[in-house]
Amino acid sequence: MKALKEIVSGPVFRVLGYRPQTVSVSTWDKEYRQGDWNYLEDIGSIAGQATILGYCQFLKPATILDVGCGAGALAEKLKLLPYRAFLGIDISAEAIAQAAPRADFRTTFAVSPADGFHTDKRFDLIIFNQCVNYFEDPAAVMAHYRALLAPNGRIIVSMCETARARAAWPLVEKHLAVEDAITYIQAEGRGTTKVLRPRR
């Protein structure tokens, strides 16, 4: 069924361009409450998270913002890094409630929609892990968060390989230049993680 959906959606995105995957806040809360996203803690989700962890180890950010952090599966893996402050945000209050036990003196979580997050803080690294395909306008979102980067800051975007993701990547890169990229294959899926910098 998944393969058939990809076959059908590919031509649609090529003709019509990017269209977001629309999910209501109440649906997000319901899915997290039901455990629909628990698979992100399973062995089959290691590859994408490992690419992000590897880049983070190399970049050594002191401050990290994780947009669309969900229940904090990635945050837990990043705790081995010597960052000073980590903030995870998600539109789902249920997801953040599940992430809360992972908070500590340098790791915090907050409820916020991606396109409605505002702060005076600046971050060395901003992460978008498997969430860009839900944004109405990925280019606008990236432009917004580019302004929240500290000097020499980077953005990491990771997406599974789908027709929607292929349509989204050019929008992600409209305001950002790719510094490096890793394509990973695990189980039945594949995806790409990119490190991006503001265009000069």
N, C-alpha and C. Protein backbone atom coordinates (compact mmCIF):
# COMPACT_ATOMS: atom_id res chain seq x y z
N MET A 1 0.83 -1.21 0.00
CA MET A 1 0.00 0.00 0.00
C MET A 1 0.86 1.25 0.00
N LYS A 2 1.93 1.24 0.83
CA LYS A 2 2.82 2.39 0.90
C LYS A 2 3.50 2.63 -0.43
N ALA A 3 3.94 1.54 -1.09
CA ALA A 3 4.61 1.65 -2.39
C ALA A 3 3.66 2.21 -3.44
N LEU A 4 2.41 1.75 -3.42
CA LEU A 4 1.41 2.23 -4.36
C LEU A 4 1.16 3.72 -4.18
N LYS A 5 1.10 4.15 -2.93
CA LYS A 5 0.88 5.57 -2.63
C LYS A 5 2.02 6.42 -3.19
N GLU A 6 3.25 5.93 -3.10
CA GLU A 6 4.40 6.65 -3.64
C GLU A 6 4.32 6.74 -5.16
N ILE A 7 3.92 5.65 -5.80
CA ILE A 7 3.81 5.64 -7.26
C ILE A 7 2.80 6.67 -7.73
N VAL A 8 1.69 6.78 -7.00
CA VAL A 8 0.64 7.72 -7.37
C VAL A 8 1.03 9.16 -7.04
N SER A 9 1.66 9.37 -5.87
CA SER A 9 1.95 10.74 -5.43
C SER A 9 3.10 11.38 -6.18
N GLY A 10 4.04 10.59 -6.69
CA GLY A 10 5.19 11.14 -7.40
C GLY A 10 4.81 12.11 -8.50
N PRO A 11 4.00 11.66 -9.49
CA PRO A 11 3.59 12.56 -10.57
C PRO A 11 2.78 13.77 -10.08
N VAL A 12 1.98 13.56 -9.03
CA VAL A 12 1.17 14.66 -8.49
C VAL A 12 2.06 15.80 -8.01
N PHE A 13 3.11 15.47 -7.23
CA PHE A 13 4.00 16.51 -6.73
C PHE A 13 4.80 17.15 -7.85
N ARG A 14 5.15 16.37 -8.87
CA ARG A 14 5.91 16.94 -9.99
C ARG A 14 5.07 17.95 -10.76
N VAL A 15 3.78 17.71 -10.85
CA VAL A 15 2.89 18.61 -11.58
C VAL A 15 2.43 19.78 -10.73
N LEU A 16 1.98 19.49 -9.51
CA LEU A 16 1.39 20.52 -8.66
C LEU A 16 2.38 21.19 -7.73
N GLY A 17 3.55 20.58 -7.54
CA GLY A 17 4.52 21.13 -6.60
C GLY A 17 4.25 20.62 -5.20
N TYR A 18 5.00 21.14 -4.26
CA TYR A 18 4.91 20.69 -2.86
C TYR A 18 3.53 20.94 -2.27
N ARG A 19 3.03 19.96 -1.55
CA ARG A 19 1.81 20.07 -0.75
C ARG A 19 2.11 19.45 0.61
N PRO A 20 1.77 20.13 1.72
CA PRO A 20 2.09 19.58 3.05
C PRO A 20 1.20 18.41 3.41
N GLN A 21 1.68 17.58 4.31
CA GLN A 21 0.88 16.53 4.92
C GLN A 21 0.16 17.18 6.09
N THR A 22 -1.14 17.34 5.99
CA THR A 22 -1.91 18.10 6.98
C THR A 22 -2.42 17.20 8.11
N VAL A 23 -2.08 17.58 9.35
CA VAL A 23 -2.52 16.86 10.53
C VAL A 23 -2.95 17.88 11.58
N SER A 24 -4.13 17.71 12.17
CA SER A 24 -4.61 18.65 13.18
C SER A 24 -3.90 18.41 14.51
N VAL A 25 -3.91 19.42 15.35
CA VAL A 25 -3.30 19.30 16.68
C VAL A 25 -3.98 18.19 17.48
N SER A 26 -5.29 18.10 17.39
CA SER A 26 -6.01 17.06 18.15
C SER A 26 -5.61 15.67 17.66
N THR A 27 -5.34 15.55 16.37
CA THR A 27 -4.90 14.25 15.84
C THR A 27 -3.50 13.91 16.34
N TRP A 28 -2.60 14.91 16.36
CA TRP A 28 -1.26 14.68 16.92
C TRP A 28 -1.37 14.19 18.36
N ASP A 29 -2.17 14.89 19.16
CA ASP A 29 -2.31 14.51 20.57
C ASP A 29 -2.85 13.09 20.70
N LYS A 30 -3.85 12.75 19.89
CA LYS A 30 -4.44 11.42 19.92
C LYS A 30 -3.42 10.35 19.55
N GLU A 31 -2.64 10.62 18.49
CA GLU A 31 -1.66 9.64 18.03
C GLU A 31 -0.56 9.40 19.07
N TYR A 32 -0.11 10.47 19.73
CA TYR A 32 0.89 10.29 20.78
C TYR A 32 0.29 9.56 21.98
N ARG A 33 -0.95 9.87 22.30
CA ARG A 33 -1.62 9.21 23.43
C ARG A 33 -1.78 7.71 23.17
N GLN A 34 -2.04 7.36 21.92
CA GLN A 34 -2.23 5.95 21.54
C GLN A 34 -0.91 5.20 21.34
N GLY A 35 0.19 5.93 21.35
CA GLY A 35 1.48 5.29 21.16
C GLY A 35 1.85 5.06 19.70
N ASP A 36 1.17 5.77 18.78
CA ASP A 36 1.43 5.57 17.35
C ASP A 36 2.85 5.96 16.95
N TRP A 37 3.50 6.80 17.75
CA TRP A 37 4.85 7.27 17.40
C TRP A 37 5.94 6.60 18.22
N ASN A 38 5.56 5.57 18.98
CA ASN A 38 6.55 4.86 19.80
C ASN A 38 7.62 4.16 18.96
N TYR A 39 7.30 3.91 17.68
CA TYR A 39 8.27 3.23 16.82
C TYR A 39 9.55 4.05 16.65
N LEU A 40 9.49 5.34 16.94
CA LEU A 40 10.69 6.18 16.84
C LEU A 40 11.75 5.77 17.86
N GLU A 41 11.33 4.97 18.84
CA GLU A 41 12.26 4.46 19.85
C GLU A 41 12.81 3.08 19.46
N ASP A 42 12.32 2.52 18.34
CA ASP A 42 12.70 1.17 17.94
C ASP A 42 13.98 1.15 17.11
N ILE A 43 14.50 -0.04 16.90
CA ILE A 43 15.75 -0.22 16.16
C ILE A 43 15.65 0.30 14.72
N GLY A 44 14.47 0.22 14.13
CA GLY A 44 14.30 0.64 12.75
C GLY A 44 14.40 2.13 12.51
N SER A 45 14.50 2.91 13.58
CA SER A 45 14.60 4.37 13.44
C SER A 45 15.99 4.90 13.78
N ILE A 46 16.95 3.99 13.96
CA ILE A 46 18.28 4.41 14.39
C ILE A 46 19.02 5.23 13.34
N ALA A 47 18.93 4.83 12.08
CA ALA A 47 19.79 5.42 11.04
C ALA A 47 19.65 6.94 10.93
N GLY A 48 18.43 7.41 10.78
CA GLY A 48 18.23 8.85 10.64
C GLY A 48 18.71 9.62 11.85
N GLN A 49 18.41 9.11 13.05
CA GLN A 49 18.83 9.78 14.27
C GLN A 49 20.35 9.73 14.43
N ALA A 50 20.95 8.62 13.98
CA ALA A 50 22.41 8.49 14.08
C ALA A 50 23.13 9.51 13.21
N THR A 51 22.56 9.81 12.04
CA THR A 51 23.20 10.82 11.17
C THR A 51 23.17 12.19 11.84
N ILE A 52 22.05 12.50 12.50
CA ILE A 52 21.95 13.78 13.21
C ILE A 52 22.93 13.82 14.37
N LEU A 53 22.99 12.73 15.14
CA LEU A 53 23.92 12.66 16.26
C LEU A 53 25.35 12.83 15.79
N GLY A 54 25.71 12.17 14.69
CA GLY A 54 27.07 12.29 14.16
C GLY A 54 27.42 13.71 13.77
N TYR A 55 26.51 14.38 13.10
CA TYR A 55 26.75 15.78 12.74
C TYR A 55 26.87 16.66 13.99
N CYS A 56 26.03 16.40 14.98
CA CYS A 56 26.08 17.18 16.22
C CYS A 56 27.42 16.98 16.94
N GLN A 57 27.91 15.75 16.95
CA GLN A 57 29.20 15.49 17.58
C GLN A 57 30.31 16.26 16.87
N PHE A 58 30.22 16.35 15.55
CA PHE A 58 31.24 17.08 14.79
C PHE A 58 31.12 18.58 14.99
N LEU A 59 29.90 19.11 14.98
CA LEU A 59 29.69 20.56 15.05
C LEU A 59 29.87 21.13 16.45
N LYS A 60 29.66 20.31 17.48
CA LYS A 60 29.83 20.72 18.87
C LYS A 60 29.02 21.98 19.24
N PRO A 61 27.73 21.99 18.99
CA PRO A 61 26.93 23.17 19.34
C PRO A 61 26.76 23.31 20.84
N ALA A 62 26.83 24.54 21.32
CA ALA A 62 26.58 24.80 22.74
C ALA A 62 25.08 24.90 23.00
N THR A 63 24.34 25.41 22.00
CA THR A 63 22.90 25.59 22.15
C THR A 63 22.18 24.94 20.97
N ILE A 64 21.13 24.16 21.28
CA ILE A 64 20.42 23.40 20.26
C ILE A 64 18.92 23.65 20.39
N LEU A 65 18.26 23.84 19.26
CA LEU A 65 16.80 23.93 19.19
C LEU A 65 16.31 22.78 18.31
N ASP A 66 15.43 21.94 18.84
CA ASP A 66 14.88 20.81 18.10
C ASP A 66 13.42 21.12 17.80
N VAL A 67 13.13 21.43 16.54
CA VAL A 67 11.78 21.81 16.13
C VAL A 67 11.00 20.55 15.74
N GLY A 68 9.82 20.37 16.33
CA GLY A 68 9.06 19.15 16.09
C GLY A 68 9.69 17.98 16.82
N CYS A 69 10.03 18.19 18.08
CA CYS A 69 10.81 17.22 18.86
C CYS A 69 10.02 15.99 19.27
N GLY A 70 8.68 16.02 19.14
CA GLY A 70 7.87 14.88 19.55
C GLY A 70 8.06 14.56 21.02
N ALA A 71 8.14 13.28 21.33
CA ALA A 71 8.28 12.84 22.72
C ALA A 71 9.72 12.82 23.19
N GLY A 72 10.63 13.36 22.40
CA GLY A 72 12.02 13.51 22.84
C GLY A 72 12.93 12.34 22.57
N ALA A 73 12.59 11.50 21.58
CA ALA A 73 13.43 10.34 21.26
C ALA A 73 14.84 10.78 20.83
N LEU A 74 14.91 11.79 19.96
CA LEU A 74 16.22 12.30 19.53
C LEU A 74 16.93 13.01 20.67
N ALA A 75 16.19 13.77 21.46
CA ALA A 75 16.77 14.50 22.58
C ALA A 75 17.51 13.57 23.53
N GLU A 76 16.93 12.40 23.76
CA GLU A 76 17.55 11.43 24.66
C GLU A 76 18.90 10.98 24.12
N LYS A 77 19.00 10.78 22.82
CA LYS A 77 20.26 10.35 22.21
C LYS A 77 21.30 11.46 22.23
N LEU A 78 20.86 12.71 22.12
CA LEU A 78 21.79 13.84 22.07
C LEU A 78 22.36 14.18 23.45
N LYS A 79 21.81 13.61 24.51
CA LYS A 79 22.25 13.94 25.86
C LYS A 79 23.71 13.60 26.12
N LEU A 80 24.27 12.69 25.33
CA LEU A 80 25.69 12.35 25.54
C LEU A 80 26.61 13.47 25.07
N LEU A 81 26.06 14.46 24.37
CA LEU A 81 26.85 15.59 23.89
C LEU A 81 27.03 16.63 25.00
N PRO A 82 28.14 17.38 24.95
CA PRO A 82 28.39 18.39 25.99
C PRO A 82 27.74 19.74 25.72
N TYR A 83 26.50 19.74 25.20
CA TYR A 83 25.83 21.02 24.93
C TYR A 83 25.51 21.72 26.25
N ARG A 84 25.33 23.03 26.16
CA ARG A 84 25.00 23.82 27.34
C ARG A 84 23.48 23.90 27.55
N ALA A 85 22.74 24.02 26.43
CA ALA A 85 21.28 24.15 26.54
C ALA A 85 20.61 23.55 25.31
N PHE A 86 19.57 22.77 25.56
CA PHE A 86 18.77 22.14 24.50
C PHE A 86 17.32 22.49 24.75
N LEU A 87 16.63 22.96 23.70
CA LEU A 87 15.20 23.23 23.79
C LEU A 87 14.50 22.46 22.68
N GLY A 88 13.53 21.63 23.07
CA GLY A 88 12.70 20.93 22.10
C GLY A 88 11.31 21.51 22.10
N ILE A 89 10.77 21.80 20.92
CA ILE A 89 9.41 22.34 20.82
C ILE A 89 8.57 21.43 19.92
N ASP A 90 7.28 21.37 20.23
CA ASP A 90 6.36 20.58 19.41
C ASP A 90 4.97 21.15 19.56
N ILE A 91 4.17 21.01 18.52
CA ILE A 91 2.81 21.54 18.53
C ILE A 91 1.89 20.71 19.42
N SER A 92 2.28 19.46 19.69
CA SER A 92 1.44 18.54 20.48
C SER A 92 1.76 18.62 21.97
N ALA A 93 0.77 19.02 22.75
CA ALA A 93 0.94 19.07 24.21
C ALA A 93 1.16 17.67 24.77
N GLU A 94 0.53 16.67 24.16
CA GLU A 94 0.71 15.29 24.62
C GLU A 94 2.14 14.83 24.38
N ALA A 95 2.70 15.17 23.22
CA ALA A 95 4.09 14.81 22.94
C ALA A 95 5.04 15.44 23.95
N ILE A 96 4.81 16.71 24.25
CA ILE A 96 5.68 17.41 25.20
C ILE A 96 5.51 16.84 26.61
N ALA A 97 4.30 16.42 26.96
CA ALA A 97 4.08 15.78 28.27
C ALA A 97 4.88 14.48 28.36
N GLN A 98 4.96 13.75 27.25
CA GLN A 98 5.75 12.52 27.24
C GLN A 98 7.25 12.80 27.23
N ALA A 99 7.65 13.95 26.67
CA ALA A 99 9.07 14.32 26.64
C ALA A 99 9.53 14.86 28.00
N ALA A 100 8.61 15.40 28.79
CA ALA A 100 8.95 16.08 30.04
C ALA A 100 9.86 15.28 30.98
N PRO A 101 9.66 13.96 31.14
CA PRO A 101 10.56 13.21 32.03
C PRO A 101 12.02 13.21 31.57
N ARG A 102 12.25 13.58 30.32
CA ARG A 102 13.62 13.62 29.79
C ARG A 102 14.28 14.97 30.04
N ALA A 103 13.56 15.91 30.60
CA ALA A 103 14.12 17.23 30.89
C ALA A 103 15.10 17.15 32.05
N ASP A 104 16.09 18.03 32.03
CA ASP A 104 17.03 18.15 33.14
C ASP A 104 17.55 19.58 33.18
N PHE A 105 18.62 19.81 33.90
CA PHE A 105 19.09 21.18 34.09
C PHE A 105 19.53 21.87 32.81
N ARG A 106 19.81 21.11 31.76
CA ARG A 106 20.21 21.73 30.49
C ARG A 106 19.31 21.36 29.32
N THR A 107 18.28 20.56 29.56
CA THR A 107 17.37 20.07 28.52
C THR A 107 15.95 20.43 28.89
N THR A 108 15.28 21.22 28.03
CA THR A 108 13.91 21.65 28.31
C THR A 108 13.03 21.42 27.08
N PHE A 109 11.71 21.39 27.33
CA PHE A 109 10.73 21.18 26.27
C PHE A 109 9.59 22.17 26.43
N ALA A 110 8.97 22.56 25.31
CA ALA A 110 7.86 23.51 25.36
C ALA A 110 6.90 23.25 24.22
N VAL A 111 5.63 23.57 24.45
CA VAL A 111 4.61 23.44 23.42
C VAL A 111 4.62 24.70 22.55
N SER A 112 4.78 24.52 21.25
CA SER A 112 4.75 25.64 20.32
C SER A 112 4.63 25.13 18.90
N PRO A 113 3.80 25.77 18.07
CA PRO A 113 3.81 25.43 16.65
C PRO A 113 5.11 25.92 16.03
N ALA A 114 5.59 25.22 15.04
CA ALA A 114 6.87 25.59 14.41
C ALA A 114 6.82 27.00 13.83
N ASP A 115 5.71 27.34 13.18
CA ASP A 115 5.63 28.66 12.54
C ASP A 115 5.20 29.76 13.49
N GLY A 116 5.03 29.42 14.78
CA GLY A 116 4.63 30.44 15.75
C GLY A 116 5.62 30.59 16.88
N PHE A 117 6.81 30.02 16.71
CA PHE A 117 7.82 30.07 17.78
C PHE A 117 8.64 31.35 17.65
N HIS A 118 8.73 32.10 18.75
CA HIS A 118 9.52 33.34 18.77
C HIS A 118 10.34 33.38 20.06
N THR A 119 11.54 33.85 19.95
CA THR A 119 12.42 33.96 21.11
C THR A 119 13.53 34.96 20.81
N ASP A 120 14.10 35.53 21.87
CA ASP A 120 15.25 36.41 21.72
C ASP A 120 16.55 35.62 21.69
N LYS A 121 16.47 34.34 22.01
CA LYS A 121 17.67 33.50 22.04
C LYS A 121 18.14 33.18 20.62
N ARG A 122 19.42 32.87 20.52
CA ARG A 122 20.00 32.42 19.25
C ARG A 122 20.65 31.07 19.49
N PHE A 123 20.63 30.23 18.47
CA PHE A 123 21.06 28.85 18.62
C PHE A 123 22.20 28.51 17.68
N ASP A 124 23.13 27.71 18.18
CA ASP A 124 24.23 27.23 17.34
C ASP A 124 23.74 26.21 16.33
N LEU A 125 22.69 25.48 16.70
CA LEU A 125 22.17 24.43 15.82
C LEU A 125 20.66 24.34 15.97
N ILE A 126 19.96 24.26 14.84
CA ILE A 126 18.51 24.06 14.83
C ILE A 126 18.23 22.80 14.02
N ILE A 127 17.46 21.88 14.60
CA ILE A 127 17.21 20.58 14.00
C ILE A 127 15.74 20.45 13.59
N PHE A 128 15.54 19.93 12.39
CA PHE A 128 14.20 19.57 11.90
C PHE A 128 14.27 18.10 11.51
N ASN A 129 13.83 17.22 12.40
CA ASN A 129 13.92 15.78 12.16
C ASN A 129 12.55 15.23 11.78
N GLN A 130 12.37 14.87 10.52
CA GLN A 130 11.15 14.24 10.03
C GLN A 130 9.89 15.09 10.28
N CYS A 131 10.00 16.41 10.12
CA CYS A 131 8.83 17.26 10.35
C CYS A 131 8.57 18.27 9.24
N VAL A 132 9.54 18.49 8.36
CA VAL A 132 9.39 19.53 7.33
C VAL A 132 8.19 19.27 6.43
N ASN A 133 7.88 18.00 6.17
CA ASN A 133 6.78 17.66 5.26
C ASN A 133 5.41 18.06 5.80
N TYR A 134 5.34 18.49 7.07
CA TYR A 134 4.08 18.95 7.64
C TYR A 134 3.93 20.48 7.56
N PHE A 135 4.96 21.18 7.13
CA PHE A 135 4.92 22.64 7.09
C PHE A 135 4.21 23.13 5.83
N GLU A 136 3.34 24.10 6.00
CA GLU A 136 2.63 24.69 4.87
C GLU A 136 3.60 25.33 3.88
N ASP A 137 4.61 26.01 4.40
CA ASP A 137 5.58 26.72 3.55
C ASP A 137 6.99 26.50 4.11
N PRO A 138 7.65 25.41 3.71
CA PRO A 138 9.00 25.12 4.24
C PRO A 138 9.99 26.25 4.02
N ALA A 139 9.90 26.95 2.90
CA ALA A 139 10.85 28.04 2.63
C ALA A 139 10.69 29.15 3.65
N ALA A 140 9.45 29.50 3.98
CA ALA A 140 9.19 30.55 4.96
C ALA A 140 9.64 30.12 6.35
N VAL A 141 9.41 28.85 6.69
CA VAL A 141 9.84 28.34 7.99
C VAL A 141 11.36 28.41 8.11
N MET A 142 12.07 28.00 7.07
CA MET A 142 13.54 28.05 7.10
C MET A 142 14.04 29.48 7.19
N ALA A 143 13.39 30.40 6.50
CA ALA A 143 13.78 31.81 6.58
C ALA A 143 13.59 32.34 8.00
N HIS A 144 12.50 31.93 8.64
CA HIS A 144 12.22 32.35 10.03
C HIS A 144 13.31 31.85 10.98
N TYR A 145 13.65 30.57 10.86
CA TYR A 145 14.62 29.99 11.80
C TYR A 145 16.05 30.38 11.46
N ARG A 146 16.32 30.69 10.22
CA ARG A 146 17.65 31.19 9.86
C ARG A 146 17.99 32.42 10.70
N ALA A 147 16.97 33.25 10.97
CA ALA A 147 17.18 34.46 11.78
C ALA A 147 17.45 34.14 13.24
N LEU A 148 17.18 32.89 13.67
CA LEU A 148 17.41 32.50 15.06
C LEU A 148 18.76 31.82 15.25
N LEU A 149 19.56 31.76 14.19
CA LEU A 149 20.88 31.14 14.30
C LEU A 149 21.90 32.10 14.89
N ALA A 150 22.76 31.57 15.73
CA ALA A 150 23.90 32.33 16.22
C ALA A 150 24.90 32.47 15.07
N PRO A 151 25.89 33.36 15.17
CA PRO A 151 26.92 33.45 14.13
C PRO A 151 27.55 32.07 13.89
N ASN A 152 27.68 31.71 12.62
CA ASN A 152 28.23 30.40 12.21
C ASN A 152 27.33 29.23 12.59
N GLY A 153 26.06 29.52 12.88
CA GLY A 153 25.12 28.46 13.22
C GLY A 153 24.70 27.66 12.01
N ARG A 154 24.21 26.45 12.27
CA ARG A 154 23.76 25.56 11.21
C ARG A 154 22.35 25.06 11.47
N ILE A 155 21.73 24.59 10.41
CA ILE A 155 20.44 23.92 10.47
C ILE A 155 20.62 22.52 9.94
N ILE A 156 20.07 21.53 10.66
CA ILE A 156 20.06 20.15 10.19
C ILE A 156 18.63 19.76 9.86
N VAL A 157 18.44 19.24 8.65
CA VAL A 157 17.13 18.75 8.23
C VAL A 157 17.27 17.28 7.83
N SER A 158 16.39 16.44 8.37
CA SER A 158 16.38 15.03 8.00
C SER A 158 14.97 14.66 7.55
N MET A 159 14.87 14.00 6.38
CA MET A 159 13.58 13.57 5.86
C MET A 159 13.70 12.19 5.24
N CYS A 160 12.68 11.36 5.45
CA CYS A 160 12.60 10.08 4.76
C CYS A 160 12.36 10.33 3.28
N GLU A 161 12.78 9.41 2.45
CA GLU A 161 12.65 9.55 1.00
C GLU A 161 11.21 9.29 0.57
N THR A 162 10.52 10.36 0.18
CA THR A 162 9.16 10.27 -0.35
C THR A 162 9.02 11.31 -1.45
N ALA A 163 7.96 11.21 -2.22
CA ALA A 163 7.70 12.21 -3.26
C ALA A 163 7.51 13.59 -2.63
N ARG A 164 6.86 13.63 -1.48
CA ARG A 164 6.65 14.91 -0.80
C ARG A 164 7.98 15.51 -0.35
N ALA A 165 8.88 14.68 0.17
CA ALA A 165 10.19 15.16 0.60
C ALA A 165 10.99 15.68 -0.60
N ARG A 166 10.92 14.99 -1.71
CA ARG A 166 11.64 15.45 -2.91
C ARG A 166 11.14 16.82 -3.35
N ALA A 167 9.84 17.07 -3.18
CA ALA A 167 9.29 18.38 -3.52
C ALA A 167 9.65 19.44 -2.49
N ALA A 168 9.88 19.00 -1.24
CA ALA A 168 10.18 19.94 -0.16
C ALA A 168 11.63 20.41 -0.15
N TRP A 169 12.58 19.54 -0.56
CA TRP A 169 13.99 19.89 -0.47
C TRP A 169 14.34 21.21 -1.18
N PRO A 170 13.87 21.47 -2.40
CA PRO A 170 14.21 22.76 -3.03
C PRO A 170 13.72 23.97 -2.23
N LEU A 171 12.61 23.80 -1.51
CA LEU A 171 12.10 24.89 -0.69
C LEU A 171 12.97 25.08 0.55
N VAL A 172 13.42 23.99 1.14
CA VAL A 172 14.34 24.05 2.28
C VAL A 172 15.61 24.79 1.88
N GLU A 173 16.08 24.52 0.68
CA GLU A 173 17.36 25.07 0.23
C GLU A 173 17.24 26.44 -0.44
N LYS A 174 16.05 27.00 -0.45
CA LYS A 174 15.86 28.32 -1.07
C LYS A 174 16.68 29.39 -0.37
N HIS A 175 16.73 29.33 0.96
CA HIS A 175 17.46 30.33 1.74
C HIS A 175 18.71 29.77 2.41
N LEU A 176 18.98 28.48 2.17
CA LEU A 176 20.09 27.80 2.85
C LEU A 176 20.95 27.05 1.84
N ALA A 177 22.23 26.99 2.10
CA ALA A 177 23.17 26.25 1.25
C ALA A 177 23.55 24.96 1.95
N VAL A 178 23.63 23.87 1.19
CA VAL A 178 23.98 22.57 1.76
C VAL A 178 25.49 22.51 1.99
N GLU A 179 25.87 22.25 3.22
CA GLU A 179 27.28 22.09 3.57
C GLU A 179 27.71 20.63 3.46
N ASP A 180 26.81 19.73 3.83
CA ASP A 180 27.11 18.30 3.73
C ASP A 180 25.79 17.54 3.78
N ALA A 181 25.79 16.29 3.32
CA ALA A 181 24.58 15.47 3.31
C ALA A 181 24.94 14.00 3.43
N ILE A 182 24.07 13.25 4.08
CA ILE A 182 24.20 11.80 4.20
C ILE A 182 22.87 11.18 3.78
N THR A 183 22.93 10.21 2.89
CA THR A 183 21.76 9.41 2.55
C THR A 183 21.89 8.08 3.27
N TYR A 184 20.85 7.68 3.98
CA TYR A 184 20.90 6.44 4.76
C TYR A 184 19.81 5.48 4.30
N ILE A 185 20.07 4.19 4.47
CA ILE A 185 19.11 3.14 4.14
C ILE A 185 19.00 2.24 5.36
N GLN A 186 17.76 2.00 5.80
CA GLN A 186 17.53 1.11 6.93
C GLN A 186 16.19 0.43 6.77
N ALA A 187 16.16 -0.89 7.04
CA ALA A 187 14.94 -1.68 6.91
C ALA A 187 14.35 -1.45 5.52
N GLU A 188 13.10 -1.01 5.44
CA GLU A 188 12.45 -0.83 4.15
C GLU A 188 12.51 0.60 3.64
N GLY A 189 13.14 1.49 4.38
CA GLY A 189 13.13 2.88 3.98
C GLY A 189 14.50 3.48 3.80
N ARG A 190 14.53 4.67 3.27
CA ARG A 190 15.76 5.43 3.13
C ARG A 190 15.43 6.90 3.34
N GLY A 191 16.45 7.68 3.59
CA GLY A 191 16.23 9.10 3.82
C GLY A 191 17.52 9.87 3.68
N THR A 192 17.45 11.17 3.88
CA THR A 192 18.61 12.04 3.74
C THR A 192 18.64 13.04 4.89
N THR A 193 19.82 13.25 5.42
CA THR A 193 20.05 14.28 6.44
C THR A 193 21.05 15.27 5.87
N LYS A 194 20.72 16.56 5.95
CA LYS A 194 21.59 17.60 5.41
C LYS A 194 21.95 18.63 6.47
N VAL A 195 23.19 19.10 6.41
CA VAL A 195 23.63 20.24 7.21
C VAL A 195 23.60 21.46 6.30
N LEU A 196 22.93 22.51 6.75
CA LEU A 196 22.75 23.70 5.91
C LEU A 196 23.20 24.96 6.64
N ARG A 197 23.65 25.92 5.85
CA ARG A 197 24.06 27.22 6.36
C ARG A 197 23.32 28.32 5.60
N PRO A 198 23.13 29.48 6.21
CA PRO A 198 22.51 30.59 5.48
C PRO A 198 23.33 30.95 4.24
N ARG A 199 22.64 31.22 3.15
CA ARG A 199 23.33 31.66 1.94
C ARG A 199 23.94 33.04 2.17
N ARG A 200 25.10 33.25 1.66
CA ARG A 200 25.79 34.52 1.87
C ARG A 200 25.35 35.56 0.87
